[in-house]
PDB file of N, CA and C in Angstrom:
ATOM      1  N   MET A   1     -26.071 -42.467  -4.217  1.00  0.00           N
ATOM      2  CA  MET A   1     -25.634 -41.151  -4.352  1.00  0.00           C
ATOM      3  C   MET A   1     -24.212 -41.093  -4.949  1.00  0.00           C
ATOM      4  N   THR A   2     -23.981 -40.250  -5.935  1.00  0.00           N
ATOM      5  CA  THR A   2     -22.720 -40.290  -6.515  1.00  0.00           C
ATOM      6  C   THR A   2     -22.015 -38.887  -6.268  1.00  0.00           C
ATOM      7  N   VAL A   3     -20.878 -38.935  -5.737  1.00  0.00           N
ATOM      8  CA  VAL A   3     -20.102 -37.817  -5.251  1.00  0.00           C
ATOM      9  C   VAL A   3     -19.198 -37.267  -6.373  1.00  0.00           C
ATOM     10  N   GLY A   4     -19.459 -36.094  -6.910  1.00  0.00           N
ATOM     11  CA  GLY A   4     -18.696 -35.549  -8.069  1.00  0.00           C
ATOM     12  C   GLY A   4     -17.571 -34.696  -7.706  1.00  0.00           C
ATOM     13  N   LEU A   5     -17.120 -34.649  -6.453  1.00  0.00           N
ATOM     14  CA  LEU A   5     -16.007 -33.786  -6.024  1.00  0.00           C
ATOM     15  C   LEU A   5     -14.718 -34.098  -6.711  1.00  0.00           C
ATOM     16  N   PHE A   6     -14.523 -35.369  -6.996  1.00  0.00           N
ATOM     17  CA  PHE A   6     -13.250 -35.875  -7.724  1.00  0.00           C
ATOM     18  C   PHE A   6     -13.071 -35.288  -9.027  1.00  0.00           C
ATOM     19  N   GLU A   7     -14.206 -34.975  -9.658  1.00  0.00           N
ATOM     20  CA  GLU A   7     -14.048 -34.319 -11.065  1.00  0.00           C
ATOM     21  C   GLU A   7     -13.677 -32.868 -10.971  1.00  0.00           C
ATOM     22  N   CYS A   8     -14.216 -32.116  -9.756  1.00  0.00           N
ATOM     23  CA  CYS A   8     -13.995 -30.809  -9.698  1.00  0.00           C
ATOM     24  C   CYS A   8     -12.661 -30.516  -9.068  1.00  0.00           C
ATOM     25  N   PHE A   9     -12.105 -31.380  -8.204  1.00  0.00           N
ATOM     26  CA  PHE A   9     -10.914 -31.185  -7.503  1.00  0.00           C
ATOM     27  C   PHE A   9      -9.964 -32.353  -7.902  1.00  0.00           C
ATOM     28  N   SER A  10      -9.105 -32.044  -8.788  1.00  0.00           N
ATOM     29  CA  SER A  10      -8.253 -33.076  -9.356  1.00  0.00           C
ATOM     30  C   SER A  10      -7.166 -33.695  -8.295  1.00  0.00           C
ATOM     31  N   GLY A  11      -6.862 -32.886  -7.214  1.00  0.00           N
ATOM     32  CA  GLY A  11      -5.884 -33.249  -6.258  1.00  0.00           C
ATOM     33  C   GLY A  11      -6.457 -34.029  -5.237  1.00  0.00           C
ATOM     34  N   LEU A  12      -7.871 -34.204  -5.122  1.00  0.00           N
ATOM     35  CA  LEU A  12      -8.444 -35.051  -4.115  1.00  0.00           C
ATOM     36  C   LEU A  12      -8.347 -36.558  -4.445  1.00  0.00           C
ATOM     37  N   GLN A  13      -7.817 -37.174  -3.444  1.00  0.00           N
ATOM     38  CA  GLN A  13      -7.600 -38.654  -3.724  1.00  0.00           C
ATOM     39  C   GLN A  13      -8.579 -39.534  -2.953  1.00  0.00           C
ATOM     40  N   GLN A  14      -8.982 -39.098  -1.754  1.00  0.00           N
ATOM     41  CA  GLN A  14      -9.743 -39.898  -0.845  1.00  0.00           C
ATOM     42  C   GLN A  14     -10.860 -39.056  -0.049  1.00  0.00           C
ATOM     43  N   LEU A  15     -12.012 -39.544   0.088  1.00  0.00           N
ATOM     44  CA  LEU A  15     -12.981 -38.800   0.916  1.00  0.00           C
ATOM     45  C   LEU A  15     -13.727 -39.918   1.774  1.00  0.00           C
ATOM     46  N   ARG A  16     -13.663 -39.536   3.047  1.00  0.00           N
ATOM     47  CA  ARG A  16     -14.403 -40.373   4.144  1.00  0.00           C
ATOM     48  C   ARG A  16     -15.664 -39.800   4.366  1.00  0.00           C
ATOM     49  N   VAL A  17     -16.744 -40.549   4.288  1.00  0.00           N
ATOM     50  CA  VAL A  17     -18.085 -40.110   4.383  1.00  0.00           C
ATOM     51  C   VAL A  17     -18.832 -40.868   5.445  1.00  0.00           C
ATOM     52  N   MET A  18     -19.712 -40.232   6.125  1.00  0.00           N
ATOM     53  CA  MET A  18     -20.585 -40.936   7.052  1.00  0.00           C
ATOM     54  C   MET A  18     -21.966 -40.492   6.825  1.00  0.00           C
ATOM     55  N   TRP A  19     -22.988 -41.288   7.093  1.00  0.00           N
ATOM     56  CA  TRP A  19     -24.263 -40.852   6.916  1.00  0.00           C
ATOM     57  C   TRP A  19     -25.268 -41.522   7.897  1.00  0.00           C
ATOM     58  N   ILE A  20     -26.445 -40.983   8.072  1.00  0.00           N
ATOM     59  CA  ILE A  20     -27.485 -41.473   9.056  1.00  0.00           C
ATOM     60  C   ILE A  20     -28.790 -41.314   8.297  1.00  0.00           C
ATOM     61  N   THR A  21     -29.616 -42.347   8.282  1.00  0.00           N
ATOM     62  CA  THR A  21     -30.927 -42.272   7.752  1.00  0.00           C
ATOM     63  C   THR A  21     -31.825 -42.697   8.920  1.00  0.00           C
ATOM     64  N   GLU A  22     -33.163 -42.774   8.630  1.00  0.00           N
ATOM     65  CA  GLU A  22     -34.080 -43.175   9.663  1.00  0.00           C
ATOM     66  C   GLU A  22     -33.882 -44.685  10.139  1.00  0.00           C
ATOM     67  N   THR A  23     -33.392 -45.551   9.136  1.00  0.00           N
ATOM     68  CA  THR A  23     -33.175 -46.888   9.521  1.00  0.00           C
ATOM     69  C   THR A  23     -31.725 -47.470   9.539  1.00  0.00           C
ATOM     70  N   GLN A  24     -30.768 -46.541   9.183  1.00  0.00           N
ATOM     71  CA  GLN A  24     -29.376 -47.070   9.252  1.00  0.00           C
ATOM     72  C   GLN A  24     -28.476 -46.017   9.319  1.00  0.00           C
ATOM     73  N   GLN A  25     -27.173 -46.395   9.650  1.00  0.00           N
ATOM     74  CA  GLN A  25     -26.116 -45.478   9.634  1.00  0.00           C
ATOM     75  C   GLN A  25     -24.875 -46.156   9.002  1.00  0.00           C
ATOM     76  N   GLY A  26     -23.907 -45.461   8.595  1.00  0.00           N
ATOM     77  CA  GLY A  26     -22.775 -46.151   7.942  1.00  0.00           C
ATOM     78  C   GLY A  26     -21.664 -45.163   7.601  1.00  0.00           C
ATOM     79  N   ALA A  27     -20.574 -45.729   7.106  1.00  0.00           N
ATOM     80  CA  ALA A  27     -19.439 -44.902   6.623  1.00  0.00           C
ATOM     81  C   ALA A  27     -18.756 -45.587   5.633  1.00  0.00           C
ATOM     82  N   ALA A  28     -17.987 -44.821   4.772  1.00  0.00           N
ATOM     83  CA  ALA A  28     -17.354 -45.315   3.580  1.00  0.00           C
ATOM     84  C   ALA A  28     -16.176 -44.445   3.307  1.00  0.00           C
ATOM     85  N   THR A  29     -15.264 -44.963   2.526  1.00  0.00           N
ATOM     86  CA  THR A  29     -14.077 -44.205   1.937  1.00  0.00           C
ATOM     87  C   THR A  29     -14.299 -44.205   0.448  1.00  0.00           C
ATOM     88  N   LEU A  30     -14.364 -43.069  -0.094  1.00  0.00           N
ATOM     89  CA  LEU A  30     -14.570 -42.995  -1.602  1.00  0.00           C
ATOM     90  C   LEU A  30     -13.327 -42.524  -2.256  1.00  0.00           C
ATOM     91  N   ASN A  31     -13.080 -42.949  -3.414  1.00  0.00           N
ATOM     92  CA  ASN A  31     -12.039 -42.371  -4.357  1.00  0.00           C
ATOM     93  C   ASN A  31     -12.653 -42.132  -5.725  1.00  0.00           C
ATOM     94  N   ALA A  32     -11.758 -41.847  -6.630  1.00  0.00           N
ATOM     95  CA  ALA A  32     -12.224 -41.420  -8.081  1.00  0.00           C
ATOM     96  C   ALA A  32     -12.937 -42.586  -8.781  1.00  0.00           C
ATOM     97  N   GLU A  33     -12.544 -43.765  -8.487  1.00  0.00           N
ATOM     98  CA  GLU A  33     -13.083 -44.916  -9.155  1.00  0.00           C
ATOM     99  C   GLU A  33     -14.442 -45.432  -8.294  1.00  0.00           C
ATOM    100  N   GLN A  34     -14.358 -45.361  -7.038  1.00  0.00           N
ATOM    101  CA  GLN A  34     -15.392 -45.849  -6.204  1.00  0.00           C
ATOM    102  C   GLN A  34     -16.048 -44.515  -5.619  1.00  0.00           C
ATOM    103  N   ASN A  35     -16.944 -43.990  -6.312  1.00  0.00           N
ATOM    104  CA  ASN A  35     -17.403 -42.580  -5.892  1.00  0.00           C
ATOM    105  C   ASN A  35     -18.900 -42.598  -5.636  1.00  0.00           C
ATOM    106  N   THR A  36     -19.499 -43.819  -5.321  1.00  0.00           N
ATOM    107  CA  THR A  36     -20.959 -43.903  -5.140  1.00  0.00           C
ATOM    108  C   THR A  36     -21.296 -44.478  -3.786  1.00  0.00           C
ATOM    109  N   ILE A  37     -22.173 -43.924  -3.149  1.00  0.00           N
ATOM    110  CA  ILE A  37     -22.776 -44.488  -1.853  1.00  0.00           C
ATOM    111  C   ILE A  37     -24.165 -45.020  -2.137  1.00  0.00           C
ATOM    112  N   ILE A  38     -24.533 -46.179  -1.754  1.00  0.00           N
ATOM    113  CA  ILE A  38     -25.898 -46.671  -1.917  1.00  0.00           C
ATOM    114  C   ILE A  38     -26.662 -46.609  -0.637  1.00  0.00           C
ATOM    115  N   LEU A  39     -27.689 -45.783  -0.609  1.00  0.00           N
ATOM    116  CA  LEU A  39     -28.488 -45.664   0.576  1.00  0.00           C
ATOM    117  C   LEU A  39     -29.839 -46.390   0.371  1.00  0.00           C
ATOM    118  N   ARG A  40     -30.183 -47.361   1.168  1.00  0.00           N
ATOM    119  CA  ARG A  40     -31.494 -48.163   0.965  1.00  0.00           C
ATOM    120  C   ARG A  40     -32.474 -47.820   2.047  1.00  0.00           C
TER     121      ARG A  40
END
């Protein structure tokens, strides 16, 4: 999943995300260069 918020909000520097699927959970810190979460 690619997060496009950094393109819409130029002042956004960092985004902390958490997710839960049927088989796993996780967290990551995203920025403009690293803006993709891989869910398997």
